[in-house]
Protein backbone atom coordinates (compact mmCIF):
# COMPACT_ATOMS: atom_id res chain seq x y z
CA GLY A 1 0.93 -16.13 4.50
CA SER A 2 0.84 -12.48 5.45
CA THR A 3 3.87 -11.31 3.48
CA VAL A 4 4.08 -9.93 -0.03
CA GLU A 5 6.47 -12.73 -0.92
CA ALA A 6 3.97 -15.36 0.30
CA TRP A 7 1.16 -13.72 -1.69
CA LEU A 8 3.33 -13.69 -4.83
CA ALA A 9 4.34 -17.32 -4.34
CA GLU A 10 0.77 -18.47 -3.74
CA THR A 11 -0.81 -16.48 -6.56
CA PHE A 12 1.89 -16.33 -9.22
CA GLY A 13 4.56 -18.84 -8.18
CA ALA A 14 7.03 -15.94 -8.00
CA GLY A 15 7.80 -15.58 -4.29
CA ASP A 16 11.58 -15.88 -4.64
CA ASP A 17 12.04 -13.62 -7.66
CA ASP A 18 14.39 -10.73 -6.73
CA SER A 19 12.59 -8.12 -8.84
CA GLU A 20 11.24 -4.94 -7.31
CA ILE A 21 7.48 -4.48 -7.40
CA THR A 22 4.86 -1.78 -6.94
CA VAL A 23 1.72 -2.65 -4.98
CA SER A 24 -1.52 -0.84 -5.85
CA ALA A 25 -4.52 -1.24 -3.58
CA VAL A 26 -8.05 0.06 -4.04
CA TRP A 27 -8.82 -0.02 -0.36
CA HIS A 28 -11.97 2.03 0.03
CA GLY A 29 -13.71 -1.09 1.42
CA PHE A 30 -10.86 -2.21 3.74
CA ASN A 31 -11.32 -2.06 7.50
CA THR A 32 -8.49 -0.72 9.68
CA ASP A 33 -7.01 -4.20 10.37
CA ALA A 34 -6.84 -4.97 6.66
CA LYS A 35 -5.19 -1.63 5.91
CA GLU A 36 -2.58 -2.21 8.62
CA CYS A 37 -1.92 -5.74 7.34
CA LEU A 38 -1.26 -4.40 3.84
CA LEU A 39 0.94 -1.54 5.10
CA ALA A 40 2.94 -3.91 7.32
CA ALA A 41 3.45 -6.33 4.43
CA CYS A 42 4.68 -3.52 2.16
CA ALA A 43 6.96 -2.12 4.87
CA THR A 44 8.63 -5.44 5.62
CA SER A 45 8.98 -6.74 2.06
CA ALA A 46 12.40 -6.53 0.44
CA ARG A 47 10.70 -6.49 -2.97
CA VAL A 48 8.19 -3.66 -2.59
CA CYS A 49 9.77 -0.41 -3.80
CA ARG A 50 6.51 1.59 -4.14
CA PHE A 51 2.90 1.29 -3.17
CA SER A 52 -0.23 3.20 -4.16
CA LEU A 53 -3.34 3.46 -2.01
CA ILE A 54 -6.67 4.40 -3.55
CA GLY A 55 -9.53 5.33 -1.26
CA PRO A 56 -11.39 8.06 0.62
CA ALA A 57 -9.31 10.83 2.16
CA LYS A 58 -11.58 11.15 5.19
CA ARG A 59 -11.15 7.59 6.54
CA GLU A 60 -8.37 6.04 8.62
CA TYR A 61 -5.05 6.20 6.76
CA GLY A 62 -6.65 8.61 4.28
CA GLY A 63 -3.79 11.08 4.63
CA PRO A 64 -0.08 10.57 4.00
CA GLU A 65 1.09 11.38 7.54
CA ALA A 66 -0.73 8.41 9.09
CA VAL A 67 0.60 6.05 6.41
CA ILE A 68 4.17 7.34 6.81
CA ASP A 69 3.97 6.98 10.61
CA TYR A 70 2.61 3.43 10.43
CA VAL A 71 5.24 2.29 7.93
CA LYS A 72 7.93 3.83 10.15
CA SER A 73 6.58 1.85 13.13
CA ARG A 74 7.18 -1.30 11.04
CA GLY A 75 10.85 -0.45 10.43
CA ALA A 76 10.78 1.21 7.01
CA ARG A 77 10.54 4.75 5.72
CA ALA A 78 7.84 5.80 3.25
CA GLU A 79 8.06 8.96 1.20
CA LEU A 80 5.01 10.43 -0.52
CA VAL A 81 5.90 10.71 -4.22
CA GLY A 82 2.43 11.19 -5.71
CA ASP A 83 -0.91 12.56 -4.52
CA ASP A 84 -3.83 12.72 -6.93
CA LEU A 85 -7.54 12.05 -7.40
CA ALA A 86 -9.13 9.26 -9.43
CA HIS A 87 -12.71 8.50 -10.32
CA LEU A 88 -13.35 4.79 -9.93
CA SER A 89 -15.97 3.18 -12.12
CA GLY A 90 -19.19 2.81 -10.18
CA SER A 91 -18.06 4.62 -7.03
CA GLY A 92 -19.75 7.94 -7.83
CA GLU A 93 -17.05 10.00 -6.15
CA ASN A 94 -13.39 10.86 -6.53
CA GLN A 95 -10.94 8.80 -4.50
CA ARG A 96 -7.53 9.92 -3.27
CA VAL A 97 -4.55 8.17 -4.84
CA MET A 98 -1.38 8.35 -2.75
CA THR A 99 1.84 6.79 -4.01
CA PHE A 100 4.75 6.15 -1.67
CA ALA A 101 8.33 5.04 -2.24
CA ILE A 102 9.82 2.72 0.37
CA ARG A 103 13.27 3.71 1.58
CA ARG A 104 15.30 1.21 3.53
């Protein structure tokens, strides 16, 4: 399925657990469709309370405004609560790490 709950059920057998979760995605290799699928799943999940995106700042959805606008278009509100840099093993460059809280 294309929901966080379906992914949790398929992978961990925990799709109907009521706990809140944080999603972290190293998405420097994601295309735009994959990024939008992940953002939509986070925006529509009742369980996702935060999500972190790790990737280049100069690509689509590399800045917080675009992420916030997309999540809003899916019926949720995202608030940037962290913005940092991380050096991923093997990548050779720093990647932007943006963390958002979902407000419903």
